[in-house]
Amino acid sequence: MNRTEALKLVKPHLTEHRYVHTIGVTDTAVDLAEKYGADPQRTEIAAIFHDYAKFRPKEEMRQIIIDQSFNEDLLEYSSELWHAPVGAYLVRYEIGINDEEILNAIKYHTSGRPNMTLMEKCVFIADYIEPGRSFPGVDEVREVVQKDLDQAIALSLRNTVQFLMKKNQPIYPATFLTYNSIVKSFNT
């Protein structure tokens, strides 16, 4: 599947704003894949489909999480997290993509996970820094990612945790585990 075909499949599932975001994430992820050595074509497909389930009804996503025996602790946290694992599931069964690394890049693009692959890292951080994003700290992460992918991910996770803490929001445990995994890798 090429870029044009993939975008044609994803576009009906997104708002115009989210489609523009998806193009930004895709272009950013491909640039990072080329810079850091991930497969650019497969990274592109993962990035295109990363928000495939973003606008599915919450009840549909909740039911998929339960029916597919996903980690049900997801249901105790923000529904903003749900579209990532549900999206990976739907991309497999509605689009027919069976590449586990592509599916994992979709599945973990919101929380990350310990020991992410290069592709997963590229999609994760591209979602955070794509050109349409504008919030405190994003420009610093954009600068850092040009020098060190893992440092940029650690900084983005730190920013996310601090943001959620300031809003008294619960933090999904995988976010902490991802941060710890990245930071521990600096000292090995």
Protein backbone atom coordinates (compact mmCIF):
# COMPACT_ATOMS: atom_id res chain seq x y z
CA MET A 1 0.00 0.00 0.00
CA ASN A 2 1.38 3.40 -0.91
CA ARG A 3 0.88 6.81 0.71
CA THR A 4 -1.96 7.89 -1.59
CA GLU A 5 -3.91 4.67 -1.07
CA ALA A 6 -3.42 4.80 2.70
CA LEU A 7 -4.49 8.44 2.97
CA LYS A 8 -7.58 7.69 0.89
CA LEU A 9 -8.52 4.94 3.38
CA VAL A 10 -7.93 7.01 6.50
CA LYS A 11 -9.43 10.35 5.40
CA PRO A 12 -13.12 9.37 5.83
CA HIS A 13 -12.39 8.54 9.48
CA LEU A 14 -10.89 11.92 10.37
CA THR A 15 -12.00 15.52 10.68
CA GLU A 16 -10.28 17.96 8.33
CA HIS A 17 -8.20 19.28 11.24
CA ARG A 18 -7.13 15.75 12.23
CA TYR A 19 -6.34 14.90 8.61
CA VAL A 20 -3.97 17.89 8.43
CA HIS A 21 -2.45 16.70 11.72
CA THR A 22 -2.02 13.23 10.22
CA ILE A 23 -0.14 14.65 7.22
CA GLY A 24 2.13 16.54 9.62
CA VAL A 25 2.76 13.44 11.73
CA THR A 26 3.42 11.37 8.61
CA ASP A 27 5.92 13.79 7.09
CA THR A 28 7.67 14.25 10.44
CA ALA A 29 7.81 10.51 11.14
CA VAL A 30 9.26 9.77 7.69
CA ASP A 31 11.93 12.46 8.17
CA LEU A 32 12.85 10.97 11.55
CA ALA A 33 12.85 7.43 10.15
CA GLU A 34 15.30 8.51 7.45
CA LYS A 35 17.46 10.35 9.98
CA TYR A 36 17.58 7.57 12.57
CA GLY A 37 17.43 4.42 10.42
CA ALA A 38 13.86 3.13 10.66
CA ASP A 39 12.11 1.87 7.53
CA PRO A 40 10.61 5.06 6.00
CA GLN A 41 7.87 3.33 3.99
CA ARG A 42 6.56 1.25 6.87
CA THR A 43 6.88 4.19 9.27
CA GLU A 44 4.83 6.26 6.82
CA ILE A 45 2.00 3.70 6.85
CA ALA A 46 2.02 3.55 10.67
CA ALA A 47 1.89 7.34 10.90
CA ILE A 48 -0.93 7.63 8.37
CA PHE A 49 -3.09 5.23 10.38
CA HIS A 50 -2.05 6.35 13.90
CA ASP A 51 -5.36 8.16 14.54
CA TYR A 52 -7.59 5.81 12.53
CA ALA A 53 -9.91 5.19 15.51
CA LYS A 54 -9.70 8.69 17.03
CA PHE A 55 -13.32 9.55 16.28
CA ARG A 56 -14.94 6.18 16.87
CA PRO A 57 -17.71 6.31 19.45
CA LYS A 58 -16.39 5.82 22.98
CA GLU A 59 -18.81 2.97 23.59
CA GLU A 60 -17.53 1.14 20.49
CA MET A 61 -13.94 1.58 21.67
CA ARG A 62 -14.82 0.48 25.21
CA GLN A 63 -16.48 -2.65 23.84
CA ILE A 64 -13.49 -3.52 21.63
CA ILE A 65 -11.16 -3.13 24.63
CA ILE A 66 -13.34 -5.56 26.61
CA ASP A 67 -14.10 -8.01 23.77
CA GLN A 68 -10.49 -8.25 22.62
CA SER A 69 -9.18 -8.63 26.17
CA PHE A 70 -6.99 -5.56 25.91
CA ASN A 71 -5.54 -4.33 29.16
CA GLU A 72 -8.77 -3.25 30.84
CA ASP A 73 -6.97 -0.79 33.10
CA LEU A 74 -7.18 1.47 30.03
CA LEU A 75 -10.83 1.98 30.92
CA GLU A 76 -9.80 3.57 34.22
CA TYR A 77 -7.87 6.32 32.42
CA SER A 78 -8.68 8.99 29.87
CA SER A 79 -10.60 7.80 26.84
CA GLU A 80 -8.01 9.78 24.84
CA LEU A 81 -5.77 6.72 25.26
CA TRP A 82 -8.28 4.25 23.83
CA HIS A 83 -7.96 5.12 20.15
CA ALA A 84 -4.38 3.86 19.96
CA PRO A 85 -4.89 0.15 20.81
CA VAL A 86 -8.36 0.15 19.24
CA GLY A 87 -6.89 1.76 16.13
CA ALA A 88 -4.25 -0.96 15.82
CA TYR A 89 -6.98 -3.59 16.10
CA LEU A 90 -9.21 -1.90 13.51
CA VAL A 91 -6.35 -1.29 11.09
CA ARG A 92 -5.63 -5.02 11.21
CA TYR A 93 -9.23 -6.11 10.69
CA GLU A 94 -10.69 -3.32 8.55
CA ILE A 95 -7.65 -2.35 6.47
CA GLY A 96 -5.87 -5.71 6.47
CA ILE A 97 -2.44 -4.58 7.69
CA ASN A 98 -0.79 -7.43 9.58
CA ASP A 99 2.71 -6.01 10.07
CA GLU A 100 3.17 -6.22 13.85
CA GLU A 101 5.66 -3.37 14.02
CA ILE A 102 3.30 -1.03 12.14
CA LEU A 103 0.43 -2.12 14.39
CA ASN A 104 2.55 -1.60 17.52
CA ALA A 105 3.55 1.88 16.35
CA ILE A 106 -0.17 2.68 16.15
CA LYS A 107 -0.98 0.88 19.41
CA TYR A 108 1.64 2.69 21.49
CA HIS A 109 1.67 6.15 19.90
CA THR A 110 -0.05 7.78 22.89
CA SER A 111 1.57 6.12 25.91
CA GLY A 112 4.72 4.66 24.46
CA ARG A 113 6.08 1.45 25.94
CA PRO A 114 9.39 0.22 27.30
CA ASN A 115 11.91 -0.80 24.64
CA MET A 116 10.10 0.80 21.70
CA THR A 117 11.42 0.04 18.22
CA LEU A 118 12.82 2.85 16.11
CA MET A 119 9.60 2.97 14.11
CA GLU A 120 7.50 3.22 17.27
CA LYS A 121 9.73 6.03 18.56
CA CYS A 122 9.48 7.94 15.27
CA VAL A 123 5.67 7.79 15.21
CA PHE A 124 5.39 8.54 18.94
CA ILE A 125 7.53 11.68 18.84
CA ALA A 126 6.21 12.81 15.44
CA ASP A 127 2.71 12.87 16.94
CA TYR A 128 4.05 15.17 19.66
CA ILE A 129 6.12 17.57 17.51
CA GLU A 130 4.37 17.72 14.12
CA PRO A 131 4.33 21.29 12.71
CA GLY A 132 0.70 21.95 13.64
CA ARG A 133 1.36 21.44 17.36
CA SER A 134 1.73 24.56 19.46
CA PHE A 135 2.06 24.30 23.23
CA PRO A 136 4.68 25.08 25.87
CA GLY A 137 7.80 22.92 25.45
CA VAL A 138 7.15 21.62 21.94
CA ASP A 139 9.82 23.80 20.31
CA GLU A 140 12.46 22.52 22.73
CA VAL A 141 11.51 18.91 21.91
CA ARG A 142 11.74 19.76 18.18
CA GLU A 143 15.29 21.03 18.73
CA VAL A 144 16.35 18.05 20.85
CA VAL A 145 14.98 15.47 18.38
CA GLN A 146 17.41 16.77 15.74
CA LYS A 147 20.28 15.64 17.99
CA ASP A 148 18.92 12.70 20.00
CA LEU A 149 15.68 10.79 19.51
CA ASP A 150 15.62 9.21 22.96
CA GLN A 151 16.35 12.49 24.76
CA ALA A 152 13.45 14.07 22.85
CA ILE A 153 11.12 11.25 23.88
CA ALA A 154 12.19 11.58 27.52
CA LEU A 155 11.57 15.33 27.40
CA SER A 156 8.15 14.88 25.76
CA LEU A 157 7.14 12.34 28.40
CA ARG A 158 8.35 14.59 31.20
CA ASN A 159 6.34 17.47 29.72
CA THR A 160 3.25 15.27 29.42
CA VAL A 161 3.50 14.00 32.99
CA GLN A 162 3.98 17.54 34.34
CA PHE A 163 1.02 18.81 32.29
CA LEU A 164 -1.26 16.04 33.57
CA MET A 165 -0.10 16.55 37.15
CA LYS A 166 -0.83 20.29 36.98
CA LYS A 167 -4.36 19.43 35.86
CA ASN A 168 -4.76 16.77 38.59
CA GLN A 169 -5.25 14.13 35.90
CA PRO A 170 -4.30 10.49 36.41
CA ILE A 171 -1.26 9.31 34.47
CA TYR A 172 -1.41 6.01 32.64
CA PRO A 173 1.25 3.66 34.08
CA ALA A 174 2.73 2.82 30.65
CA THR A 175 3.76 6.47 30.34
CA PHE A 176 5.92 6.15 33.47
CA LEU A 177 7.28 2.78 32.33
CA THR A 178 8.22 4.29 28.96
CA TYR A 179 9.95 7.23 30.62
CA ASN A 180 11.86 4.93 32.98
CA SER A 181 12.93 2.67 30.11
CA ILE A 182 14.24 5.58 28.07
CA VAL A 183 16.04 7.24 30.97
CA LYS A 184 17.62 3.96 32.12
CA SER A 185 18.99 3.47 28.60
CA PHE A 186 21.02 6.69 29.01
CA ASN A 187 23.00 5.07 31.79
CA THR A 188 23.82 1.76 30.12
